[in-house]
Every structure is written in C-alpha cells, then in structure tokens.
Amino acid sequence: MATLTMNVIPHAGLRTDTLPVPASAGGDSCATGQGVYLRVKNADAASHTLTFPFAQTVDGQAVTPRTVTVPAGASWDIPVLDLYANPSTGLASWTYDAVTSVTVAAMRISS
C-alpha cells in the first residue's frame, strides 16, 4: 500500500494530467478533508472498482464499505471524506479490484 502525495491546486490553477501515478496492487491511501479528492484514470478495457472501508461502526456493527466503479476508458473524481479516515493513521485507505492501466492522484483545492 502506497501513501499518495497530496497535490494542492492553487488559485492560479495547476496542470494535473502529469500527476497520476500507477495504482498499487495492495491499495493506496491519502489524507482526507475539505476539498480533497482522488482522481482515478482507468485506461483499461474493463471497468475497475475501488472499495473504501469505513473505520467506524454503528451500534457495534461494521458499516458496508463504499464502492466506486470507474468505467473503462474513464477518469473519475472521488471525494475523500473525513469519515473514510482510519482513526489510528488519520488516512483514508482503499483497494482496487485490479490495477491494470489504472492511475491515481490525490488532490486538494487550495482554500
């Protein structure tokens, strides 16, 4: 599992097409927060699903993880909310069903 570098987008803008890195087979993680999102580019011929587990429980029961499916050939922006953060690390972590031709970048809009 790799921890992605947070790319901060300044008010003047930022070229973002050069930022994505290959998705890690064991999953990835990044900081969470206001204005944080994950850009996922799926250049594969098949769709790929990311799974975001929730660290919290409700009445002692695990909460079903959030899944996001990125269609083949598509780029997808996924908000990385604080409720995805693991309390022990402060980071959100997710896994991929496969990483063939998948690249990712963690981004945050400057406040």
C-alpha atoms as a PDB file:
ATOM      1  CA  MET A   1       0.000   0.000   0.000  1.00  0.00           C
ATOM      2  CA  ALA A   2       1.339   3.371  -1.000  1.00  0.00           C
ATOM      3  CA  THR A   3       0.530   6.726   0.573  1.00  0.00           C
ATOM      4  CA  LEU A   4      -0.158   9.183  -2.220  1.00  0.00           C
ATOM      5  CA  THR A   5       1.395  12.644  -2.213  1.00  0.00           C
ATOM      6  CA  MET A   6      -1.242  15.336  -1.809  1.00  0.00           C
ATOM      7  CA  ASN A   7      -1.226  17.701  -4.794  1.00  0.00           C
ATOM      8  CA  VAL A   8      -2.537  21.129  -3.803  1.00  0.00           C
ATOM      9  CA  ILE A   9      -4.254  23.051  -6.584  1.00  0.00           C
ATOM     10  CA  PRO A  10      -3.525  26.767  -6.114  1.00  0.00           C
ATOM     11  CA  HIS A  11      -5.883  29.570  -7.094  1.00  0.00           C
ATOM     12  CA  ALA A  12      -3.832  30.132 -10.248  1.00  0.00           C
ATOM     13  CA  GLY A  13      -4.541  26.548 -11.350  1.00  0.00           C
ATOM     14  CA  LEU A  14      -2.322  23.520 -11.881  1.00  0.00           C
ATOM     15  CA  ARG A  15      -1.620  21.173 -14.746  1.00  0.00           C
ATOM     16  CA  THR A  16      -2.983  17.867 -13.436  1.00  0.00           C
ATOM     17  CA  ASP A  17      -2.612  15.415 -16.322  1.00  0.00           C
ATOM     18  CA  THR A  18       1.007  14.680 -15.301  1.00  0.00           C
ATOM     19  CA  LEU A  19       0.236  13.974 -11.617  1.00  0.00           C
ATOM     20  CA  PRO A  20      -1.321  10.473 -11.608  1.00  0.00           C
ATOM     21  CA  VAL A  21       0.840   7.514 -10.584  1.00  0.00           C
ATOM     22  CA  PRO A  22       0.174   3.792 -11.097  1.00  0.00           C
ATOM     23  CA  ALA A  23      -2.317   2.348  -8.603  1.00  0.00           C
ATOM     24  CA  SER A  24      -0.735  -0.037  -6.072  1.00  0.00           C
ATOM     25  CA  ALA A  25      -1.868  -3.662  -6.194  1.00  0.00           C
ATOM     26  CA  GLY A  26      -2.269  -3.695  -2.392  1.00  0.00           C
ATOM     27  CA  GLY A  27      -4.291  -0.460  -2.380  1.00  0.00           C
ATOM     28  CA  ASP A  28      -3.430   3.158  -1.672  1.00  0.00           C
ATOM     29  CA  SER A  29      -4.080   5.807   0.976  1.00  0.00           C
ATOM     30  CA  CYS A  30      -4.063   9.576   1.366  1.00  0.00           C
ATOM     31  CA  ALA A  31      -5.067  12.372   3.703  1.00  0.00           C
ATOM     32  CA  THR A  32      -8.741  13.307   3.954  1.00  0.00           C
ATOM     33  CA  GLY A  33     -10.522  16.602   4.392  1.00  0.00           C
ATOM     34  CA  GLN A  34     -12.369  19.513   2.886  1.00  0.00           C
ATOM     35  CA  GLY A  35     -11.642  19.830  -0.824  1.00  0.00           C
ATOM     36  CA  VAL A  36      -9.715  16.530  -1.019  1.00  0.00           C
ATOM     37  CA  TYR A  37     -10.475  14.195  -3.882  1.00  0.00           C
ATOM     38  CA  LEU A  38      -8.974  11.263  -5.691  1.00  0.00           C
ATOM     39  CA  ARG A  39      -8.596  11.396  -9.467  1.00  0.00           C
ATOM     40  CA  VAL A  40      -8.726   7.897 -10.930  1.00  0.00           C
ATOM     41  CA  LYS A  41      -7.974   7.255 -14.588  1.00  0.00           C
ATOM     42  CA  ASN A  42      -8.913   3.843 -15.926  1.00  0.00           C
ATOM     43  CA  ALA A  43      -7.232   3.289 -19.301  1.00  0.00           C
ATOM     44  CA  ASP A  44      -8.114  -0.412 -19.246  1.00  0.00           C
ATOM     45  CA  ALA A  45     -10.735  -2.056 -21.489  1.00  0.00           C
ATOM     46  CA  ALA A  46     -12.632  -3.214 -18.379  1.00  0.00           C
ATOM     47  CA  SER A  47     -14.206  -1.224 -15.546  1.00  0.00           C
ATOM     48  CA  HIS A  48     -12.473  -1.267 -12.150  1.00  0.00           C
ATOM     49  CA  THR A  49     -13.944  -0.910  -8.668  1.00  0.00           C
ATOM     50  CA  LEU A  50     -12.400   0.891  -5.689  1.00  0.00           C
ATOM     51  CA  THR A  51     -13.508  -0.078  -2.180  1.00  0.00           C
ATOM     52  CA  PHE A  52     -13.371   2.444   0.675  1.00  0.00           C
ATOM     53  CA  PRO A  53     -13.882   0.789   4.079  1.00  0.00           C
ATOM     54  CA  PHE A  54     -15.336   2.741   6.997  1.00  0.00           C
ATOM     55  CA  ALA A  55     -13.403   2.523  10.277  1.00  0.00           C
ATOM     56  CA  GLN A  56     -16.485   3.469  12.310  1.00  0.00           C
ATOM     57  CA  THR A  57     -19.187   1.109  13.458  1.00  0.00           C
ATOM     58  CA  VAL A  58     -22.871   1.763  14.133  1.00  0.00           C
ATOM     59  CA  ASP A  59     -24.227   0.130  17.264  1.00  0.00           C
ATOM     60  CA  GLY A  60     -21.286  -2.256  17.191  1.00  0.00           C
ATOM     61  CA  GLN A  61     -21.892  -3.279  13.582  1.00  0.00           C
ATOM     62  CA  ALA A  62     -19.483  -2.705  10.711  1.00  0.00           C
ATOM     63  CA  VAL A  63     -20.658  -0.289   8.039  1.00  0.00           C
ATOM     64  CA  THR A  64     -20.686  -1.655   4.492  1.00  0.00           C
ATOM     65  CA  PRO A  65     -17.703  -0.234   2.570  1.00  0.00           C
ATOM     66  CA  ARG A  66     -18.316   2.334  -0.144  1.00  0.00           C
ATOM     67  CA  THR A  67     -17.563   1.123  -3.648  1.00  0.00           C
ATOM     68  CA  VAL A  68     -16.998   3.253  -6.723  1.00  0.00           C
ATOM     69  CA  THR A  69     -16.776   1.717 -10.185  1.00  0.00           C
ATOM     70  CA  VAL A  70     -14.759   3.607 -12.774  1.00  0.00           C
ATOM     71  CA  PRO A  71     -15.857   2.662 -16.312  1.00  0.00           C
ATOM     72  CA  ALA A  72     -13.345   1.532 -18.922  1.00  0.00           C
ATOM     73  CA  GLY A  73     -11.563   4.473 -20.534  1.00  0.00           C
ATOM     74  CA  ALA A  74     -12.921   6.979 -17.996  1.00  0.00           C
ATOM     75  CA  SER A  75     -11.469   9.416 -15.476  1.00  0.00           C
ATOM     76  CA  TRP A  76     -13.345   9.775 -12.196  1.00  0.00           C
ATOM     77  CA  ASP A  77     -13.017  12.254  -9.321  1.00  0.00           C
ATOM     78  CA  ILE A  78     -13.945  10.794  -5.932  1.00  0.00           C
ATOM     79  CA  PRO A  79     -14.250  12.950  -2.768  1.00  0.00           C
ATOM     80  CA  VAL A  80     -12.088  11.609   0.064  1.00  0.00           C
ATOM     81  CA  LEU A  81     -14.235  12.424   3.070  1.00  0.00           C
ATOM     82  CA  ASP A  82     -13.072  12.517   6.696  1.00  0.00           C
ATOM     83  CA  LEU A  83     -15.401   9.628   7.507  1.00  0.00           C
ATOM     84  CA  TYR A  84     -13.140   7.343   5.433  1.00  0.00           C
ATOM     85  CA  ALA A  85     -10.181   8.103   7.723  1.00  0.00           C
ATOM     86  CA  ASN A  86      -8.764   5.358   9.872  1.00  0.00           C
ATOM     87  CA  PRO A  87      -8.554   6.783  13.424  1.00  0.00           C
ATOM     88  CA  SER A  88      -5.131   5.210  14.026  1.00  0.00           C
ATOM     89  CA  THR A  89      -3.492   6.715  10.913  1.00  0.00           C
ATOM     90  CA  GLY A  90      -5.718   9.655  10.002  1.00  0.00           C
ATOM     91  CA  LEU A  91      -5.593   8.454   6.386  1.00  0.00           C
ATOM     92  CA  ALA A  92      -8.228   7.020   4.102  1.00  0.00           C
ATOM     93  CA  SER A  93      -7.239   3.706   2.524  1.00  0.00           C
ATOM     94  CA  TRP A  94      -8.866   1.849  -0.343  1.00  0.00           C
ATOM     95  CA  THR A  95      -8.322  -1.192  -2.515  1.00  0.00           C
ATOM     96  CA  TYR A  96      -8.810  -1.923  -6.193  1.00  0.00           C
ATOM     97  CA  ASP A  97     -10.360  -4.995  -7.782  1.00  0.00           C
ATOM     98  CA  ALA A  98      -7.436  -4.806 -10.260  1.00  0.00           C
ATOM     99  CA  VAL A  99      -4.862  -2.159 -11.150  1.00  0.00           C
ATOM    100  CA  THR A 100      -4.309  -2.852 -14.849  1.00  0.00           C
ATOM    101  CA  SER A 101      -3.919   0.539 -16.574  1.00  0.00           C
ATOM    102  CA  VAL A 102      -5.227   2.420 -13.505  1.00  0.00           C
ATOM    103  CA  THR A 103      -3.529   5.616 -12.340  1.00  0.00           C
ATOM    104  CA  VAL A 104      -4.411   7.817  -9.364  1.00  0.00           C
ATOM    105  CA  ALA A 105      -3.647  11.221  -7.902  1.00  0.00           C
ATOM    106  CA  ALA A 106      -4.675  12.731  -4.566  1.00  0.00           C
ATOM    107  CA  MET A 107      -5.651  16.382  -4.913  1.00  0.00           C
ATOM    108  CA  ARG A 108      -6.856  19.194  -2.712  1.00  0.00           C
ATOM    109  CA  ILE A 109      -8.288  22.524  -3.760  1.00  0.00           C
ATOM    110  CA  SER A 110      -6.421  25.373  -2.066  1.00  0.00           C
ATOM    111  CA  SER A 111      -8.568  27.266   0.429  1.00  0.00           C
END
